[in-house]
């Protein structure tokens, strides 16, 4: 796999790769972070909000994993975070699962969160590694209630205590005192809140000496990459960082958008393979995607960089190859000047079947009013699961965890339009050619954390069918952190037959659980000696 990365680097090193565009930034959020129809962003408080007391409700449970019964305590509660003047300015909600009888000084603890920005953590909480999980019909739309919450045989509780955190202004997390939306709705504001929450949790629960891990999804990987450095600067040494469906570079640079098409093409190839749009379809998805990587970083990149100077013969040859990998017709590829946007691909590849593809998970199929047009009218991978997750979370908190609140549980903070995207790395400097303040490029923060803590390990989990955070772009970002050769082996990649939410595919979740169990063991062992 690393040879693939080097091949991509030879082409991509011509320009700095920057992924998202301002016009699509609101679309890069997790499904729950999208404001609903008619929803209004939360307004700033006109006067000070009450400062609530910290709250904790505990219940006791059992879970059988691999034939062994684990007794554990679930704690649903809130912790206060304080500003630089030691004044409470936020109350953050969490649910923690801790193994009964375990020695806290040797027992790992993992902090998990979703992204958005502005999404609560019901997705990871109800779908991935907690002791329970919601059953869905993925990649088909999940039928209506009653939904089924079941014991989770792929929980990470056998390897680590788990703390699921709702971001400020989401879930039951709220501003306090004189704080307003502006104190939380921004890259660095969000980082400070999570930094202070984790420090508070470690202090209250006497977990400072525990092995520590961050597990973030989507924008949660943006948070994790920068938070790893911020926490390290505050004396919190991490053992490992897990990046699930990563977005590590929001910045925009000159150089055109051809690099976006290059980065997306291997994901298109994965979807074409899944929907049998490839003649003589190869049996192995990973091998097929490898061929797409090589084509994208080689002949395809050269053709796009040539622009209108590409000869007619070269255009024909490259168009045939693009068609071969994507399942789109040669004529369509040529009409698009070889450049296929994600929305066009999602609308076109199954047009003859009058179906569209999901964005977060291209395995999901949608049905538009008609088969004309260039853009899907909705994201089937969002609509097909949201109701199940929201309902399951509500029922679980109240019925099983006995957590009661007069507040509304907010799946989304609805602050995407107010988000401050500027980022000032805590280590200072953002790499060659970068401004001190810019759109978040957090791979530099993660690299800084790894240089300061050479025992820090990173696991990058990627879904082949994820078109929100394509794996080829993540590979590029992590391969361009300018790490010393001694540190490069600290980064590990995992690939799964799934979309953005890897755990929606149960087989992929099983594989991911195994990979992370091994990762936690190895990162925990490496805390005392280099491997």
Protein backbone atom coordinates (compact mmCIF):
# COMPACT_ATOMS: atom_id res chain seq x y z
CA UNK A 1 0.00 0.00 0.00
CA UNK A 2 2.84 2.39 0.72
CA UNK A 3 4.10 1.96 -2.84
CA UNK A 4 0.71 3.23 -3.94
CA UNK A 5 1.14 6.30 -1.79
CA UNK A 6 4.56 7.00 -3.26
CA UNK A 7 3.15 6.75 -6.79
CA UNK A 8 0.41 9.22 -5.90
CA UNK A 9 2.96 11.53 -4.32
CA UNK A 10 4.98 11.77 -7.52
CA UNK A 11 2.02 13.37 -9.24
CA UNK A 12 0.33 15.15 -6.36
CA UNK A 13 3.55 16.81 -5.20
CA UNK A 14 3.22 19.15 -8.16
CA UNK A 15 0.58 21.07 -6.23
CA UNK A 16 -0.66 21.23 -2.64
CA UNK A 17 -3.90 19.33 -2.47
CA UNK A 18 -6.83 21.16 -0.93
CA UNK A 19 -10.14 19.43 -0.92
CA UNK A 20 -13.23 21.38 -0.02
CA UNK A 21 -14.76 24.42 -1.67
CA UNK A 22 -16.59 27.18 0.22
CA UNK A 23 -19.76 26.59 -1.75
CA UNK A 24 -19.88 22.96 -0.65
CA UNK A 25 -18.61 23.41 2.89
CA UNK A 26 -22.08 23.04 4.41
CA UNK A 27 -22.40 19.73 2.56
CA UNK A 28 -19.30 18.34 4.23
CA UNK A 29 -21.04 17.94 7.57
CA UNK A 30 -22.18 14.69 9.12
CA UNK A 31 -25.86 13.94 8.29
CA UNK A 32 -27.06 15.14 11.69
CA UNK A 33 -25.26 18.46 11.34
CA UNK A 34 -27.42 19.54 8.41
CA UNK A 35 -30.03 22.11 9.46
CA UNK A 36 -33.51 20.80 8.81
CA UNK A 37 -36.12 22.55 6.73
CA UNK A 38 -37.16 25.75 8.44
CA UNK A 39 -34.61 25.32 11.24
CA UNK A 40 -32.89 28.41 12.56
CA UNK A 41 -29.38 28.52 14.01
CA UNK A 42 -29.21 28.86 17.78
CA UNK A 43 -29.09 32.54 18.65
CA UNK A 44 -26.69 34.09 21.09
CA UNK A 45 -28.00 34.48 24.60
CA UNK A 46 -29.07 38.01 25.42
CA UNK A 47 -27.98 37.55 29.03
CA UNK A 48 -26.00 35.09 31.12
CA UNK A 49 -27.22 31.51 31.11
CA UNK A 50 -27.43 29.70 34.44
CA UNK A 51 -24.39 27.65 35.39
CA UNK A 52 -25.71 24.12 36.01
CA UNK A 53 -24.20 21.71 38.47
CA UNK A 54 -22.25 18.76 37.17
CA UNK A 55 -24.47 15.72 36.90
CA UNK A 56 -23.84 11.97 36.75
CA UNK A 57 -26.34 9.12 36.54
CA UNK A 58 -24.89 5.61 36.83
CA UNK A 59 -26.37 2.26 35.90
CA UNK A 60 -24.87 -1.22 35.89
CA UNK A 61 -24.91 -3.71 33.04
CA UNK A 62 -23.38 -6.85 31.56
CA UNK A 63 -22.13 -7.68 28.06
CA UNK A 64 -20.86 -10.97 26.70
CA UNK A 65 -17.91 -10.66 24.32
CA UNK A 66 -16.14 -13.68 22.87
CA UNK A 67 -17.74 -15.91 25.48
CA UNK A 68 -16.67 -13.74 28.40
CA UNK A 69 -19.14 -11.76 30.52
CA UNK A 70 -18.06 -8.19 31.18
CA UNK A 71 -19.66 -6.24 34.01
CA UNK A 72 -19.56 -2.51 33.43
CA UNK A 73 -20.89 0.81 34.67
CA UNK A 74 -22.55 3.31 32.36
CA UNK A 75 -22.36 6.95 33.44
CA UNK A 76 -24.47 9.56 31.63
CA UNK A 77 -23.74 13.07 32.79
CA UNK A 78 -22.29 16.51 32.29
CA UNK A 79 -19.00 18.20 33.18
CA UNK A 80 -18.31 21.92 33.31
CA UNK A 81 -15.55 23.47 31.25
CA UNK A 82 -13.91 26.72 32.29
CA UNK A 83 -12.40 29.64 30.40
CA UNK A 84 -8.98 31.26 30.88
CA UNK A 85 -10.38 33.17 33.87
CA UNK A 86 -11.55 29.93 35.50
CA UNK A 87 -15.19 30.84 34.88
CA UNK A 88 -17.59 28.07 33.78
CA UNK A 89 -18.66 28.71 30.20
CA UNK A 90 -19.97 25.34 29.07
CA UNK A 91 -21.61 22.14 30.26
CA UNK A 92 -20.71 19.12 28.09
CA UNK A 93 -22.72 15.91 28.02
CA UNK A 94 -21.10 12.49 27.84
CA UNK A 95 -21.82 8.80 28.28
CA UNK A 96 -18.96 6.72 29.68
CA UNK A 97 -18.66 2.93 29.85
CA UNK A 98 -16.13 1.66 32.37
CA UNK A 99 -15.24 -1.94 33.12
CA UNK A 100 -15.98 -2.89 36.72
CA UNK A 101 -13.00 -3.93 38.81
CA UNK A 102 -10.37 -2.78 36.30
CA UNK A 103 -7.20 -1.01 37.44
CA UNK A 104 -7.53 2.58 36.25
CA UNK A 105 -3.79 3.16 35.93
CA UNK A 106 -3.42 0.41 33.32
CA UNK A 107 -6.90 0.35 31.79
CA UNK A 108 -7.06 2.33 28.50
CA UNK A 109 -9.68 5.05 28.12
CA UNK A 110 -10.89 6.23 24.70
CA UNK A 111 -12.70 9.49 23.91
CA UNK A 112 -15.09 9.23 20.98
CA UNK A 113 -16.99 11.89 19.05
CA UNK A 114 -18.59 12.66 15.72
CA UNK A 115 -17.96 15.78 13.71
CA UNK A 116 -20.17 17.93 11.54
CA UNK A 117 -18.98 20.38 12.69
CA UNK A 118 -21.95 20.71 14.99
CA UNK A 119 -23.01 17.06 15.20
CA UNK A 120 -23.82 15.18 18.38
CA UNK A 121 -22.16 11.80 18.89
CA UNK A 122 -25.26 9.62 18.57
CA UNK A 123 -23.82 8.07 15.38
CA UNK A 124 -20.70 6.53 16.87
CA UNK A 125 -22.53 5.92 20.15
CA UNK A 126 -25.44 3.98 18.68
CA UNK A 127 -23.64 2.39 15.73
CA UNK A 128 -20.04 1.50 16.45
CA UNK A 129 -18.24 0.40 19.62
CA UNK A 130 -20.53 0.97 22.63
CA UNK A 131 -22.01 -2.05 24.43
CA UNK A 132 -25.21 -1.67 22.38
CA UNK A 133 -25.86 -0.84 18.74
CA UNK A 134 -28.84 -0.10 16.52
CA UNK A 135 -29.66 -2.62 13.81
CA UNK A 136 -30.27 -1.05 10.40
CA UNK A 137 -31.14 -2.41 6.98
CA UNK A 138 -28.10 -0.73 5.42
CA UNK A 139 -27.48 -0.28 2.57
CA UNK A 140 -31.26 -0.28 2.20
CA UNK A 141 -33.36 2.34 3.98
CA UNK A 142 -34.19 1.16 7.50
CA UNK A 143 -37.93 0.47 8.07
CA UNK A 144 -39.85 2.49 10.63
CA UNK A 145 -40.14 1.88 14.38
CA UNK A 146 -39.93 0.00 16.56
CA UNK A 147 -36.18 -0.02 16.00
CA UNK A 148 -34.03 -2.78 17.44
CA UNK A 149 -31.20 -2.00 19.86
CA UNK A 150 -29.08 -5.10 20.49
CA UNK A 151 -26.00 -6.10 22.51
CA UNK A 152 -22.94 -5.21 20.47
CA UNK A 153 -20.56 -8.13 19.85
CA UNK A 154 -18.12 -5.65 18.26
CA UNK A 155 -17.85 -3.32 21.23
CA UNK A 156 -14.37 -2.11 22.20
CA UNK A 157 -15.23 -2.41 25.88
CA UNK A 158 -13.00 -5.48 26.19
CA UNK A 159 -10.03 -3.31 25.18
CA UNK A 160 -10.81 0.15 26.54
CA UNK A 161 -13.19 2.20 28.63
CA UNK A 162 -15.27 4.37 26.29
CA UNK A 163 -16.34 8.00 26.72
CA UNK A 164 -18.75 9.32 24.07
CA UNK A 165 -18.78 13.14 24.07
CA UNK A 166 -21.40 15.46 22.59
CA UNK A 167 -19.83 18.61 21.13
CA UNK A 168 -20.80 22.00 22.59
CA UNK A 169 -24.38 23.02 21.76
CA UNK A 170 -25.25 19.47 20.64
CA UNK A 171 -26.99 16.68 22.53
CA UNK A 172 -27.41 17.91 26.10
CA UNK A 173 -24.25 20.05 25.92
CA UNK A 174 -24.97 23.73 26.52
CA UNK A 175 -23.37 27.14 26.89
CA UNK A 176 -23.18 28.45 30.46
CA UNK A 177 -22.57 31.77 32.12
CA UNK A 178 -21.89 34.53 29.61
CA UNK A 179 -20.88 32.18 26.80
CA UNK A 180 -22.55 32.46 23.39
CA UNK A 181 -22.46 30.52 20.13
CA UNK A 182 -19.27 32.36 19.17
CA UNK A 183 -17.44 30.73 22.07
CA UNK A 184 -17.92 27.29 20.49
CA UNK A 185 -18.68 27.67 16.76
CA UNK A 186 -15.20 27.61 15.33
CA UNK A 187 -12.26 25.32 14.73
CA UNK A 188 -10.15 26.59 17.62
CA UNK A 189 -13.12 27.29 19.88
CA UNK A 190 -14.26 23.70 19.45
CA UNK A 191 -10.75 22.42 20.13
CA UNK A 192 -10.47 24.36 23.36
CA UNK A 193 -13.79 22.98 24.60
CA UNK A 194 -12.77 19.37 23.96
CA UNK A 195 -9.32 19.93 25.42
CA UNK A 196 -10.85 21.27 28.63
CA UNK A 197 -13.49 18.56 28.80
CA UNK A 198 -10.94 15.75 28.50
CA UNK A 199 -8.70 17.31 31.13
CA UNK A 200 -11.72 17.71 33.41
CA UNK A 201 -12.77 14.09 32.86
CA UNK A 202 -9.28 12.79 33.61
CA UNK A 203 -9.19 14.83 36.80
CA UNK A 204 -12.65 13.97 38.13
CA UNK A 205 -12.24 10.27 37.40
CA UNK A 206 -8.55 9.96 38.36
CA UNK A 207 -7.54 8.72 34.88
CA UNK A 208 -4.42 10.81 34.30
CA UNK A 209 -2.20 7.74 34.29
CA UNK A 210 -4.45 5.63 32.05
CA UNK A 211 -3.42 4.91 28.44
CA UNK A 212 -5.42 7.40 26.35
CA UNK A 213 -6.91 7.30 22.84
CA UNK A 214 -8.90 9.65 20.63
CA UNK A 215 -11.44 8.14 18.21
CA UNK A 216 -13.08 10.68 15.90
CA UNK A 217 -15.21 10.38 12.76
CA UNK A 218 -15.52 12.83 9.85
CA UNK A 219 -14.93 16.38 11.17
CA UNK A 220 -14.09 14.52 14.36
CA UNK A 221 -10.82 13.57 12.61
CA UNK A 222 -10.15 17.25 11.97
CA UNK A 223 -10.67 17.79 15.68
CA UNK A 224 -8.53 14.79 16.67
CA UNK A 225 -5.54 15.74 14.55
CA UNK A 226 -5.33 19.20 16.09
CA UNK A 227 -6.46 18.08 19.54
CA UNK A 228 -3.61 15.57 19.73
CA UNK A 229 -1.14 18.44 19.62
CA UNK A 230 -3.16 20.71 21.91
CA UNK A 231 -3.55 18.02 24.56
CA UNK A 232 0.12 17.16 24.32
CA UNK A 233 1.03 20.78 24.91
CA UNK A 234 -1.20 20.68 28.01
CA UNK A 235 0.58 17.64 29.40
CA UNK A 236 -1.88 14.97 28.26
CA UNK A 237 0.23 12.36 26.49
CA UNK A 238 -1.81 10.19 24.14
CA UNK A 239 -1.09 6.61 23.15
CA UNK A 240 -3.08 6.61 19.94
CA UNK A 241 -5.37 8.49 17.57
CA UNK A 242 -8.00 6.73 15.42
CA UNK A 243 -9.18 8.66 12.35
CA UNK A 244 -12.42 7.29 10.89
CA UNK A 245 -13.35 8.75 7.46
CA UNK A 246 -10.90 11.63 7.54
CA UNK A 247 -10.91 15.24 6.44
CA UNK A 248 -7.57 16.79 7.37
CA UNK A 249 -7.32 19.66 4.91
CA UNK A 250 -10.05 22.25 4.32
CA UNK A 251 -7.82 24.88 2.81
CA UNK A 252 -8.03 26.30 -0.69
CA UNK A 253 -5.03 27.03 -2.87
CA UNK A 254 -4.53 28.20 -6.40
CA UNK A 255 -3.93 25.50 -8.96
CA UNK A 256 -7.42 24.60 -10.09
CA UNK A 257 -9.70 21.78 -9.06
CA UNK A 258 -8.19 18.98 -11.16
CA UNK A 259 -6.72 17.47 -8.01
CA UNK A 260 -10.24 16.98 -6.65
CA UNK A 261 -11.15 14.84 -9.66
CA UNK A 262 -7.96 12.83 -9.26
CA UNK A 263 -8.67 12.21 -5.61
CA UNK A 264 -12.24 11.08 -6.25
CA UNK A 265 -11.67 8.69 -9.15
CA UNK A 266 -10.64 5.61 -7.10
CA UNK A 267 -13.83 6.01 -5.05
CA UNK A 268 -15.87 6.11 -8.28
CA UNK A 269 -14.11 2.91 -9.31
CA UNK A 270 -15.13 1.23 -6.04
CA UNK A 271 -18.78 2.17 -6.61
CA UNK A 272 -18.69 0.99 -10.23
CA UNK A 273 -17.33 -2.33 -8.97
CA UNK A 274 -20.07 -2.61 -6.35
CA UNK A 275 -22.86 -1.99 -8.89
CA UNK A 276 -21.38 -4.33 -11.52
CA UNK A 277 -20.75 -1.56 -14.02
CA UNK A 278 -17.39 -3.02 -15.04
CA UNK A 279 -17.05 -5.56 -17.87
CA UNK A 280 -15.25 -8.68 -16.70
CA UNK A 281 -15.46 -7.44 -13.12
CA UNK A 282 -12.42 -8.49 -11.09
CA UNK A 283 -13.11 -10.55 -7.99
CA UNK A 284 -10.97 -8.50 -5.62
CA UNK A 285 -12.11 -4.96 -4.76
CA UNK A 286 -8.79 -3.92 -3.23
CA UNK A 287 -6.85 -4.96 -6.35
CA UNK A 288 -9.32 -3.11 -8.57
CA UNK A 289 -9.02 0.06 -6.48
CA UNK A 290 -5.24 -0.24 -6.68
CA UNK A 291 -5.45 -0.14 -10.47
CA UNK A 292 -7.65 2.96 -10.22
CA UNK A 293 -5.12 4.66 -7.92
CA UNK A 294 -2.33 4.05 -10.42
CA UNK A 295 -4.40 5.35 -13.32
CA UNK A 296 -5.56 8.41 -11.38
CA UNK A 297 -2.06 9.37 -10.24
CA UNK A 298 -0.57 8.65 -13.66
CA UNK A 299 -2.24 8.97 -17.08
CA UNK A 300 -5.38 10.67 -15.71
CA UNK A 301 -3.44 13.31 -13.79
CA UNK A 302 -1.20 14.02 -16.78
CA UNK A 303 -4.23 14.41 -19.04
CA UNK A 304 -5.97 16.86 -16.69
CA UNK A 305 -2.82 18.91 -16.19
CA UNK A 306 -2.49 19.20 -19.99
CA UNK A 307 -5.78 21.08 -20.15
CA UNK A 308 -6.92 22.12 -23.61
CA UNK A 309 -3.52 21.13 -25.04
CA UNK A 310 -4.48 17.46 -24.80
CA UNK A 311 -4.57 15.98 -28.28
CA UNK A 312 -7.70 14.36 -29.68
CA UNK A 313 -6.02 10.96 -29.65
CA UNK A 314 -4.97 11.35 -26.03
CA UNK A 315 -8.46 12.54 -25.10
CA UNK A 316 -10.01 9.44 -26.65
CA UNK A 317 -7.56 7.12 -24.92
CA UNK A 318 -7.96 8.65 -21.46
CA UNK A 319 -11.75 8.90 -21.81
CA UNK A 320 -11.91 5.18 -22.50
CA UNK A 321 -9.89 4.48 -19.37
CA UNK A 322 -12.05 6.78 -17.24
CA UNK A 323 -15.09 5.00 -18.62
CA UNK A 324 -13.50 1.65 -17.81
CA UNK A 325 -12.94 2.59 -14.16
CA UNK A 326 -16.15 4.52 -13.50
CA UNK A 327 -18.81 2.68 -15.49
CA UNK A 328 -19.77 5.94 -17.24
CA UNK A 329 -20.06 6.06 -21.03
CA UNK A 330 -17.12 7.33 -23.05
CA UNK A 331 -19.33 10.01 -24.57
CA UNK A 332 -20.40 11.27 -21.16
CA UNK A 333 -16.80 11.40 -19.96
CA UNK A 334 -15.75 13.38 -23.03
CA UNK A 335 -18.71 15.75 -22.72
CA UNK A 336 -17.56 16.43 -19.14
CA UNK A 337 -14.01 17.14 -20.36
CA UNK A 338 -12.80 14.14 -18.35
CA UNK A 339 -13.81 15.89 -15.11
CA UNK A 340 -16.60 14.13 -13.22
CA UNK A 341 -17.90 15.89 -10.12
CA UNK A 342 -19.22 13.78 -7.20
CA UNK A 343 -22.81 14.95 -7.71
CA UNK A 344 -22.68 14.19 -11.43
CA UNK A 345 -21.29 10.72 -10.77
CA UNK A 346 -23.98 9.99 -8.17
CA UNK A 347 -26.69 11.00 -10.66
CA UNK A 348 -25.25 9.46 -13.81
CA UNK A 349 -23.84 6.02 -13.01
CA UNK A 350 -27.29 4.44 -12.38
CA UNK A 351 -29.34 6.82 -14.52
CA UNK A 352 -30.57 4.01 -16.77
CA UNK A 353 -32.01 2.35 -13.66
CA UNK A 354 -33.53 5.68 -12.51
CA UNK A 355 -31.48 5.49 -9.32
CA UNK A 356 -28.99 7.80 -7.62
CA UNK A 357 -26.14 7.00 -5.21
CA UNK A 358 -25.69 8.17 -1.64
CA UNK A 359 -22.88 10.56 -0.83
CA UNK A 360 -21.85 9.31 2.60
CA UNK A 361 -22.26 5.74 1.40
CA UNK A 362 -22.53 5.06 -2.31
CA UNK A 363 -24.06 1.64 -1.66
CA UNK A 364 -27.35 3.39 -0.81
CA UNK A 365 -29.69 3.97 -3.77
CA UNK A 366 -32.06 6.91 -4.05
CA UNK A 367 -35.03 7.60 -6.33
CA UNK A 368 -35.51 11.11 -7.72
CA UNK A 369 -38.72 12.52 -9.20
CA UNK A 370 -37.26 12.01 -12.66
CA UNK A 371 -34.09 10.65 -14.22
CA UNK A 372 -33.09 13.92 -15.87
CA UNK A 373 -30.85 16.58 -14.36
CA UNK A 374 -27.32 16.47 -13.00
CA UNK A 375 -27.76 16.37 -9.24
CA UNK A 376 -29.48 13.92 -6.86
CA UNK A 377 -32.32 15.60 -4.99
CA UNK A 378 -31.27 14.06 -1.65
CA UNK A 379 -28.67 11.82 -0.06
CA UNK A 380 -30.12 8.33 0.32
CA UNK A 381 -27.38 7.33 2.76
CA UNK A 382 -28.49 10.11 5.11
CA UNK A 383 -32.26 9.70 4.78
CA UNK A 384 -32.04 5.92 5.13
CA UNK A 385 -30.68 5.89 8.71
CA UNK A 386 -31.30 9.19 10.52
CA UNK A 387 -34.68 8.34 12.03
CA UNK A 388 -33.42 5.05 13.43
CA UNK A 389 -30.38 6.58 15.12
CA UNK A 390 -32.21 9.54 16.64
CA UNK A 391 -35.04 7.39 18.00
CA UNK A 392 -32.67 4.74 19.36
CA UNK A 393 -30.58 7.31 21.21
CA UNK A 394 -33.60 8.94 22.87
CA UNK A 395 -35.10 5.64 23.96
CA UNK A 396 -31.78 4.25 25.19
CA UNK A 397 -30.85 7.27 27.33
CA UNK A 398 -34.21 7.38 29.03
CA UNK A 399 -35.08 3.70 29.33
CA UNK A 400 -31.71 1.99 29.88
CA UNK A 401 -29.41 4.70 31.24
CA UNK A 402 -32.16 6.41 33.30
CA UNK A 403 -30.99 9.84 32.22
CA UNK A 404 -33.76 12.44 32.42
CA UNK A 405 -33.56 16.04 31.30
CA UNK A 406 -35.97 18.88 30.66
CA UNK A 407 -33.69 19.97 27.83
CA UNK A 408 -34.11 18.97 24.19
CA UNK A 409 -31.51 16.52 22.90
CA UNK A 410 -30.06 18.23 19.84
CA UNK A 411 -28.66 15.92 17.11
CA UNK A 412 -27.25 19.08 15.51
CA UNK A 413 -26.13 22.44 16.82
CA UNK A 414 -27.10 23.97 13.45
CA UNK A 415 -24.10 26.32 13.55
CA UNK A 416 -22.47 25.48 10.22
CA UNK A 417 -23.31 28.92 8.83
CA UNK A 418 -21.68 30.61 11.84
CA UNK A 419 -18.57 28.44 11.98
CA UNK A 420 -15.23 30.26 12.17
CA UNK A 421 -12.94 28.23 9.92
CA UNK A 422 -9.68 29.98 10.82
CA UNK A 423 -7.18 27.81 12.63
CA UNK A 424 -4.03 28.77 14.50
CA UNK A 425 -1.95 25.66 15.26
CA UNK A 426 -0.87 25.53 18.88
CA UNK A 427 2.63 24.50 17.81
CA UNK A 428 3.02 27.58 15.63
CA UNK A 429 3.59 27.50 11.90
CA UNK A 430 1.55 25.63 9.29
CA UNK A 431 4.11 24.31 6.89
CA UNK A 432 5.61 25.69 3.74
CA UNK A 433 3.47 28.30 2.02
CA UNK A 434 0.73 28.36 4.66
CA UNK A 435 -0.51 31.44 6.47
CA UNK A 436 -0.48 31.57 10.23
CA UNK A 437 -4.27 31.75 10.16
CA UNK A 438 -6.07 29.89 7.41
CA UNK A 439 -8.67 27.25 6.71
CA UNK A 440 -7.87 24.23 8.86
CA UNK A 441 -4.97 22.14 7.62
CA UNK A 442 -4.60 19.85 10.61
CA UNK A 443 -2.26 17.19 9.22
CA UNK A 444 0.46 19.63 10.29
CA UNK A 445 -0.88 19.58 13.87
CA UNK A 446 -0.88 15.79 13.90
CA UNK A 447 2.67 15.71 12.55
CA UNK A 448 3.72 18.11 15.30
CA UNK A 449 2.14 15.86 17.94
CA UNK A 450 3.96 12.82 16.54
CA UNK A 451 7.32 14.58 16.51
CA UNK A 452 6.93 15.64 20.14
CA UNK A 453 5.59 12.23 21.18
CA UNK A 454 7.39 9.61 19.07
CA UNK A 455 5.34 6.84 20.71
CA UNK A 456 2.06 8.24 19.37
CA UNK A 457 0.39 5.89 16.90
CA UNK A 458 -2.26 6.73 14.31
CA UNK A 459 -4.83 4.45 12.68
CA UNK A 460 -6.64 5.69 9.56
CA UNK A 461 -9.91 3.81 8.82
CA UNK A 462 -11.39 4.34 5.35
CA UNK A 463 -14.55 3.17 3.59
CA UNK A 464 -14.19 2.34 -0.10
CA UNK A 465 -17.68 3.70 -0.87
CA UNK A 466 -17.32 7.00 1.02
CA UNK A 467 -17.64 9.99 -1.32
CA UNK A 468 -17.70 12.56 1.50
CA UNK A 469 -14.10 11.88 2.60
CA UNK A 470 -12.47 9.81 -0.19
CA UNK A 471 -9.69 7.49 0.92
CA UNK A 472 -7.21 8.55 -1.80
CA UNK A 473 -7.23 12.10 -0.44
CA UNK A 474 -6.66 10.87 3.12
CA UNK A 475 -3.70 8.81 1.92
CA UNK A 476 -2.19 11.88 0.33
CA UNK A 477 -2.64 14.07 3.42
CA UNK A 478 -1.10 11.54 5.80
CA UNK A 479 1.76 10.83 3.38
CA UNK A 480 2.71 14.51 3.22
CA UNK A 481 3.37 15.27 6.87
CA UNK A 482 7.17 15.28 6.35
CA UNK A 483 7.70 12.76 9.12
CA UNK A 484 11.11 11.42 9.99
CA UNK A 485 11.57 7.84 8.70
CA UNK A 486 11.56 6.60 12.31
CA UNK A 487 7.97 7.85 12.73
CA UNK A 488 6.39 6.80 9.45
CA UNK A 489 5.68 3.30 10.67
CA UNK A 490 3.49 4.75 13.43
CA UNK A 491 0.72 5.33 10.86
CA UNK A 492 -1.47 2.38 9.93
CA UNK A 493 -4.25 2.23 7.31
CA UNK A 494 -7.39 0.11 7.22
CA UNK A 495 -9.83 -0.23 4.30
CA UNK A 496 -13.40 -1.52 4.47
CA UNK A 497 -16.29 -2.39 2.08
CA UNK A 498 -18.41 0.42 3.49
CA UNK A 499 -19.13 4.12 3.31
CA UNK A 500 -18.46 7.09 5.58
CA UNK A 501 -20.03 5.34 8.60
CA UNK A 502 -18.00 2.16 8.34
CA UNK A 503 -20.03 0.42 11.04
CA UNK A 504 -23.24 0.40 8.96
CA UNK A 505 -21.79 -2.65 7.22
CA UNK A 506 -21.70 -5.31 9.93
CA UNK A 507 -18.94 -7.26 8.19
CA UNK A 508 -16.88 -4.08 7.99
CA UNK A 509 -17.59 -3.34 11.66
CA UNK A 510 -16.34 -6.80 12.59
CA UNK A 511 -13.13 -6.16 10.66
CA UNK A 512 -12.74 -2.67 12.11
CA UNK A 513 -13.20 -3.95 15.67
CA UNK A 514 -10.44 -6.48 15.12
CA UNK A 515 -8.13 -3.89 13.64
CA UNK A 516 -8.70 -1.40 16.46
CA UNK A 517 -8.32 -4.06 19.14
CA UNK A 518 -4.89 -4.86 17.75
CA UNK A 519 -4.08 -1.17 17.37
CA UNK A 520 -4.98 -0.38 21.00
CA UNK A 521 -2.93 -3.32 22.24
CA UNK A 522 0.08 -2.28 20.19
CA UNK A 523 -0.17 1.43 21.02
CA UNK A 524 -0.60 0.59 24.71
CA UNK A 525 2.45 -1.68 24.65
CA UNK A 526 4.48 0.95 22.77
CA UNK A 527 3.99 3.47 25.57
CA UNK A 528 6.91 1.98 27.43
CA UNK A 529 9.25 1.11 24.59
CA UNK A 530 9.64 1.78 20.89
CA UNK A 531 8.66 -1.05 18.54
